[in-house]
Amino acid sequence: MQIYLPIAELPISILTVLALSGAVGFISGLFGVGGGFLLTPLLIFLDIPPAVAVATVAAQVAGSSTTGVLTYWRRRALDFKLGGILVAGGILGTLLGVLFFNSMRRLGQLELVITLSYVTLFTIIGGLMLYGALRAMLRIRAGKPARLRRRAGTHPWWMGLPWRMRFPRSQLYCSAIPIALLAVVIGFIGAVLGVGGGFILVPALIYFFRIPTAVVVGTSLFQILMTMTGATILHALTNQSVDILLAILLLLGGVIGAQFGGRAARNLNVESFRLLLALLILSVGLRFAIELFIPPSEPFSVILSDSAR
């Protein structure tokens, strides 16, 4: 059973879209990530235009994150104070990202930028996460703590910058500056690549700020919800690339999958969490790297400027 997508300008199987979005929604609820880092590439592999895939997935990520936020809020595992700073920085980064996205689209370089960004970003982040997860697991098998314990009273230099704040629910006392800068970067990446940014935010909050995993997941989903809602609105207003029919199908499957993922997360230990997320990120980066070396089916293409459409 197929449906024609008016913005993407091609027919697609409804069952295929529902299956993909359901699986990605499950991963979103399980890991506290938006899921766009998987869904956007999958749609591109299904021949959805990159600009439409990025903008439409932003809507799906926002919708699927809503149920996850409600789940973690009911568990009291969401830090709204920390989330507020992340949202403020994320909105600024999203605005800058949409401006960059539109300029690359006008120049006809958007697809190349997206592909290279996925390969570079996912390989670096996935590799670092995999190294950290394997090292922690080896230490546990050797009867040692998973991480080297920091001496009492010591902390990284970025936590001692000005504008320090207390975040009781996250058990954190540090400067708001590195948190806000991290949010700006994630908002920018999310708007350009159609990803929630949770695959960066979750490990960053765990590794660099030592926030408990349970609080990180809920707070990450809250930040993703707010920034992806903003990205969807901006993409719809500035480049009209949000396909409503595709977004509805993605949202339907994603919301259902996220509910099951949130329940499964209760039985997942920290080290398994880190290892599985690292493997997922690396697999997506590898798939895009392979795509760079596959000859295109159409060696020539015609790109029309916005004024010519």
Protein backbone atom coordinates (compact mmCIF):
# COMPACT_ATOMS: atom_id res chain seq x y z
CA MET A 1 0.00 0.00 0.00
CA GLN A 2 1.54 3.26 -1.16
CA ILE A 3 0.87 6.95 -0.66
CA TYR A 4 2.07 9.90 -2.72
CA LEU A 5 4.10 12.50 -0.84
CA PRO A 6 3.35 15.98 -2.28
CA ILE A 7 6.47 17.76 -1.02
CA ALA A 8 8.91 14.89 -1.60
CA GLU A 9 7.16 14.29 -4.97
CA LEU A 10 7.30 10.49 -4.91
CA PRO A 11 5.19 7.49 -3.79
CA ILE A 12 6.26 5.46 -0.75
CA SER A 13 5.02 2.36 1.09
CA ILE A 14 2.98 3.23 4.20
CA LEU A 15 3.97 0.02 5.98
CA THR A 16 7.66 0.66 5.34
CA VAL A 17 7.46 4.16 6.83
CA LEU A 18 5.50 2.95 9.86
CA ALA A 19 7.96 0.12 10.50
CA LEU A 20 10.99 2.41 10.26
CA SER A 21 9.51 5.13 12.45
CA GLY A 22 8.33 2.58 15.02
CA ALA A 23 11.79 1.05 15.30
CA VAL A 24 13.43 4.47 15.57
CA GLY A 25 10.84 5.57 18.14
CA PHE A 26 11.74 2.54 20.25
CA ILE A 27 15.40 3.55 20.13
CA SER A 28 14.43 7.13 21.03
CA GLY A 29 12.64 6.03 24.17
CA LEU A 30 15.37 3.54 25.06
CA PHE A 31 18.38 5.85 24.80
CA GLY A 32 16.84 9.30 25.37
CA VAL A 33 17.79 10.48 21.89
CA GLY A 34 15.56 12.05 19.26
CA GLY A 35 16.09 9.21 16.80
CA GLY A 36 16.61 11.57 13.87
CA PHE A 37 20.23 10.43 13.51
CA LEU A 38 18.80 7.11 12.29
CA LEU A 39 15.55 8.18 10.65
CA THR A 40 16.97 10.95 8.45
CA PRO A 41 19.58 8.65 6.83
CA LEU A 42 16.99 5.89 6.39
CA LEU A 43 14.65 8.26 4.55
CA ILE A 44 17.50 9.48 2.36
CA PHE A 45 18.34 5.86 1.55
CA LEU A 46 14.66 5.49 0.49
CA ASP A 47 15.25 8.31 -2.06
CA ILE A 48 13.49 11.03 -0.06
CA PRO A 49 15.21 14.35 -0.98
CA PRO A 50 17.67 15.31 1.79
CA ALA A 51 16.07 18.73 2.34
CA VAL A 52 12.62 17.15 2.81
CA ALA A 53 14.01 14.33 4.99
CA VAL A 54 15.79 16.75 7.35
CA ALA A 55 12.86 19.15 7.74
CA THR A 56 10.18 16.45 8.07
CA VAL A 57 12.13 14.34 10.55
CA ALA A 58 12.43 17.40 12.78
CA ALA A 59 8.64 17.28 13.15
CA GLN A 60 8.71 13.55 13.90
CA VAL A 61 11.47 13.94 16.48
CA ALA A 62 9.50 16.65 18.28
CA GLY A 63 6.37 14.51 18.36
CA SER A 64 8.02 11.29 19.48
CA SER A 65 9.99 13.13 22.18
CA THR A 66 6.75 14.42 23.73
CA THR A 67 5.72 11.04 25.11
CA GLY A 68 9.21 10.39 26.40
CA VAL A 69 9.28 13.73 28.23
CA LEU A 70 5.95 12.95 29.90
CA THR A 71 7.21 9.50 30.94
CA TYR A 72 10.38 10.82 32.60
CA TRP A 73 8.54 13.77 34.14
CA ARG A 74 6.18 11.37 35.89
CA ARG A 75 9.24 9.51 37.23
CA ARG A 76 10.73 12.80 38.50
CA ALA A 77 13.77 12.14 36.32
CA LEU A 78 13.75 15.48 34.47
CA ASP A 79 15.73 18.58 35.48
CA PHE A 80 13.73 21.57 34.22
CA LYS A 81 16.32 24.09 35.43
CA LEU A 82 19.10 22.44 33.46
CA GLY A 83 16.69 21.87 30.58
CA GLY A 84 15.85 25.57 30.45
CA ILE A 85 19.50 26.50 29.78
CA LEU A 86 19.79 23.75 27.18
CA VAL A 87 16.62 24.94 25.43
CA ALA A 88 17.74 28.60 25.35
CA GLY A 89 21.09 27.68 23.77
CA GLY A 90 19.43 25.13 21.51
CA ILE A 91 16.98 27.64 20.04
CA LEU A 92 19.82 30.02 19.16
CA GLY A 93 21.77 27.18 17.54
CA THR A 94 18.65 26.06 15.65
CA LEU A 95 18.15 29.52 14.16
CA LEU A 96 21.78 29.64 12.99
CA GLY A 97 21.49 26.10 11.62
CA VAL A 98 18.38 26.85 9.54
CA LEU A 99 20.09 29.90 8.03
CA PHE A 100 23.11 27.75 7.10
CA PHE A 101 20.81 24.99 5.78
CA ASN A 102 19.00 27.41 3.46
CA SER A 103 22.23 28.93 2.14
CA MET A 104 23.68 25.49 1.30
CA ARG A 105 20.44 24.53 -0.41
CA ARG A 106 20.53 27.63 -2.58
CA LEU A 107 24.12 26.81 -3.57
CA GLY A 108 23.17 23.21 -4.43
CA GLN A 109 25.63 21.74 -1.91
CA LEU A 110 23.18 20.59 0.77
CA GLU A 111 23.33 16.83 0.04
CA LEU A 112 27.15 16.83 0.07
CA VAL A 113 27.24 18.82 3.34
CA ILE A 114 24.79 16.41 5.00
CA THR A 115 26.70 13.30 3.89
CA LEU A 116 30.13 14.57 4.93
CA SER A 117 28.75 15.84 8.23
CA TYR A 118 27.24 12.46 9.08
CA VAL A 119 30.46 10.60 8.25
CA THR A 120 32.72 12.95 10.22
CA LEU A 121 30.51 13.55 13.23
CA PHE A 122 29.29 10.01 13.71
CA THR A 123 32.70 8.40 13.23
CA ILE A 124 34.36 10.66 15.81
CA ILE A 125 31.59 10.54 18.41
CA GLY A 126 30.81 6.86 17.92
CA GLY A 127 34.48 5.92 18.09
CA LEU A 128 35.08 7.85 21.30
CA MET A 129 31.95 6.39 22.89
CA LEU A 130 32.89 2.84 21.86
CA TYR A 131 36.38 3.24 23.28
CA GLY A 132 35.02 4.55 26.58
CA ALA A 133 32.39 1.83 26.85
CA LEU A 134 34.81 -1.02 26.11
CA ARG A 135 37.40 0.36 28.53
CA ALA A 136 34.77 0.60 31.28
CA MET A 137 33.59 -2.96 30.66
CA LEU A 138 37.16 -4.29 30.78
CA ARG A 139 37.75 -2.50 34.09
CA ILE A 140 34.59 -4.05 35.52
CA ARG A 141 35.70 -7.53 34.46
CA ALA A 142 39.05 -6.90 36.13
CA GLY A 143 37.25 -6.03 39.37
CA LYS A 144 37.97 -2.30 39.14
CA PRO A 145 35.54 0.67 39.09
CA ALA A 146 34.08 1.44 35.66
CA ARG A 147 35.65 4.91 35.78
CA LEU A 148 38.61 6.39 37.56
CA ARG A 149 37.19 8.32 40.49
CA ARG A 150 37.95 11.99 40.64
CA ARG A 151 39.53 13.22 43.85
CA ALA A 152 37.18 15.08 46.18
CA GLY A 153 37.11 18.80 45.51
CA THR A 154 38.47 18.54 41.97
CA HIS A 155 36.55 19.24 38.77
CA PRO A 156 37.26 20.11 35.10
CA TRP A 157 38.22 23.70 34.39
CA TRP A 158 35.05 24.40 32.37
CA MET A 159 32.87 23.74 35.40
CA GLY A 160 34.63 26.55 37.26
CA LEU A 161 33.88 29.30 34.73
CA PRO A 162 31.73 32.29 35.77
CA TRP A 163 27.94 32.15 36.22
CA ARG A 164 27.97 29.00 38.29
CA MET A 165 24.60 27.55 39.18
CA ARG A 166 23.26 24.70 41.28
CA PHE A 167 21.15 21.97 39.71
CA PRO A 168 19.94 19.88 42.69
CA ARG A 169 18.09 17.24 40.68
CA SER A 170 21.16 16.65 38.48
CA GLN A 171 23.51 16.75 41.49
CA LEU A 172 25.53 19.40 39.69
CA TYR A 173 27.15 22.73 40.58
CA CYS A 174 28.97 24.35 37.67
CA SER A 175 29.09 27.27 35.22
CA ALA A 176 26.15 27.72 32.88
CA ILE A 177 28.49 28.80 30.06
CA PRO A 178 29.70 25.36 28.86
CA ILE A 179 26.15 23.99 29.12
CA ALA A 180 24.77 26.82 26.98
CA LEU A 181 27.58 26.50 24.39
CA LEU A 182 26.98 22.76 24.16
CA ALA A 183 23.29 23.46 23.54
CA VAL A 184 24.07 25.98 20.77
CA VAL A 185 26.24 23.44 18.94
CA ILE A 186 23.61 20.72 19.28
CA GLY A 187 20.83 23.04 18.07
CA PHE A 188 22.91 23.97 15.01
CA ILE A 189 23.68 20.33 14.16
CA GLY A 190 20.05 19.34 14.71
CA ALA A 191 18.72 21.95 12.27
CA VAL A 192 21.26 21.05 9.57
CA LEU A 193 21.09 17.26 9.84
CA GLY A 194 17.53 16.75 11.06
CA VAL A 195 18.66 15.10 14.30
CA GLY A 196 17.61 15.76 17.85
CA GLY A 197 21.21 15.87 19.03
CA GLY A 198 20.64 13.47 21.90
CA PHE A 199 23.46 11.24 20.66
CA ILE A 200 25.79 14.14 21.50
CA LEU A 201 23.99 15.61 24.50
CA VAL A 202 23.50 12.35 26.41
CA PRO A 203 27.18 11.25 26.44
CA ALA A 204 28.36 14.85 26.97
CA LEU A 205 26.25 15.30 30.10
CA ILE A 206 27.32 11.89 31.41
CA TYR A 207 31.04 12.10 30.65
CA PHE A 208 31.82 15.82 31.03
CA PHE A 209 29.36 16.83 33.78
CA ARG A 210 28.89 13.47 35.55
CA ILE A 211 25.09 13.79 35.68
CA PRO A 212 23.19 10.58 36.61
CA THR A 213 22.04 8.67 33.52
CA ALA A 214 18.38 8.57 34.58
CA VAL A 215 18.19 12.38 34.77
CA VAL A 216 20.20 12.85 31.58
CA VAL A 217 17.75 10.88 29.43
CA GLY A 218 14.66 12.82 30.51
CA THR A 219 16.37 16.22 30.34
CA SER A 220 17.81 15.39 26.90
CA LEU A 221 14.35 14.56 25.58
CA PHE A 222 12.99 17.84 26.96
CA GLN A 223 15.69 19.83 25.13
CA ILE A 224 15.08 17.84 21.95
CA LEU A 225 11.34 18.47 22.10
CA MET A 226 11.71 22.25 22.34
CA THR A 227 14.49 22.72 19.77
CA MET A 228 13.00 20.36 17.18
CA THR A 229 9.64 22.10 17.47
CA GLY A 230 11.42 25.35 16.69
CA ALA A 231 13.33 23.75 13.80
CA THR A 232 10.11 22.39 12.28
CA ILE A 233 8.46 25.81 12.36
CA LEU A 234 11.50 27.54 10.87
CA HIS A 235 11.90 24.95 8.07
CA ALA A 236 8.21 25.17 7.22
CA LEU A 237 8.25 28.98 7.08
CA THR A 238 11.58 29.52 5.30
CA ASN A 239 11.91 26.71 2.76
CA GLN A 240 8.53 24.87 2.74
CA SER A 241 10.22 21.46 2.90
CA VAL A 242 8.12 19.83 5.65
CA ASP A 243 6.00 17.05 4.11
CA ILE A 244 2.88 16.84 6.29
CA LEU A 245 1.77 13.38 5.13
CA LEU A 246 5.19 11.89 5.72
CA ALA A 247 5.45 13.64 9.10
CA ILE A 248 2.11 12.17 10.23
CA LEU A 249 3.20 8.62 9.31
CA LEU A 250 6.55 9.07 11.03
CA LEU A 251 4.91 10.54 14.10
CA LEU A 252 2.39 7.70 14.38
CA GLY A 253 5.03 4.98 14.31
CA GLY A 254 7.46 6.98 16.46
CA VAL A 255 5.01 7.65 19.29
CA ILE A 256 4.08 3.97 19.55
CA GLY A 257 7.70 2.82 19.46
CA ALA A 258 8.82 5.38 22.05
CA GLN A 259 6.41 4.01 24.63
CA PHE A 260 7.94 0.54 24.42
CA GLY A 261 11.46 1.97 24.40
CA GLY A 262 10.84 3.95 27.59
CA ARG A 263 9.71 0.79 29.39
CA ALA A 264 12.67 -1.25 28.13
CA ALA A 265 15.11 1.42 29.37
CA ARG A 266 14.37 0.46 32.97
CA ASN A 267 16.19 -2.86 32.53
CA LEU A 268 19.25 -1.48 30.71
CA ASN A 269 22.44 -1.00 32.73
CA VAL A 270 24.74 1.97 32.17
CA GLU A 271 27.60 0.20 30.38
CA SER A 272 25.29 -1.66 28.01
CA PHE A 273 23.58 1.67 27.33
CA ARG A 274 26.87 3.29 26.30
CA LEU A 275 28.04 0.35 24.17
CA LEU A 276 24.80 -0.04 22.19
CA LEU A 277 24.49 3.69 21.52
CA ALA A 278 28.10 3.82 20.29
CA LEU A 279 27.52 0.92 17.88
CA LEU A 280 24.37 2.56 16.52
CA ILE A 281 26.16 5.84 15.84
CA LEU A 282 29.12 4.12 14.19
CA SER A 283 26.88 2.02 11.95
CA VAL A 284 25.13 5.12 10.56
CA GLY A 285 28.45 6.88 9.93
CA LEU A 286 29.80 3.77 8.16
CA ARG A 287 26.72 3.58 5.94
CA PHE A 288 27.19 7.17 4.80
CA ALA A 289 30.92 6.59 4.24
CA ILE A 290 30.10 3.68 1.93
CA GLU A 291 27.61 5.91 0.09
CA LEU A 292 30.44 8.31 -0.81
CA PHE A 293 32.21 5.61 -2.82
CA ILE A 294 29.17 4.17 -4.62
CA PRO A 295 28.83 5.63 -8.15
CA PRO A 296 25.50 7.50 -8.55
CA SER A 297 22.85 5.96 -10.79
CA GLU A 298 22.50 9.37 -12.48
CA PRO A 299 25.94 10.95 -13.05
CA PHE A 300 24.37 14.29 -13.96
CA SER A 301 21.65 16.29 -12.24
CA VAL A 302 19.93 19.63 -12.74
CA ILE A 303 19.43 21.92 -9.74
CA LEU A 304 17.00 24.80 -10.03
CA SER A 305 17.44 27.90 -7.93
CA ASP A 306 14.52 29.05 -5.79
CA SER A 307 13.88 31.95 -8.21
CA ALA A 308 13.51 29.52 -11.13
CA ARG A 309 10.92 27.30 -9.42
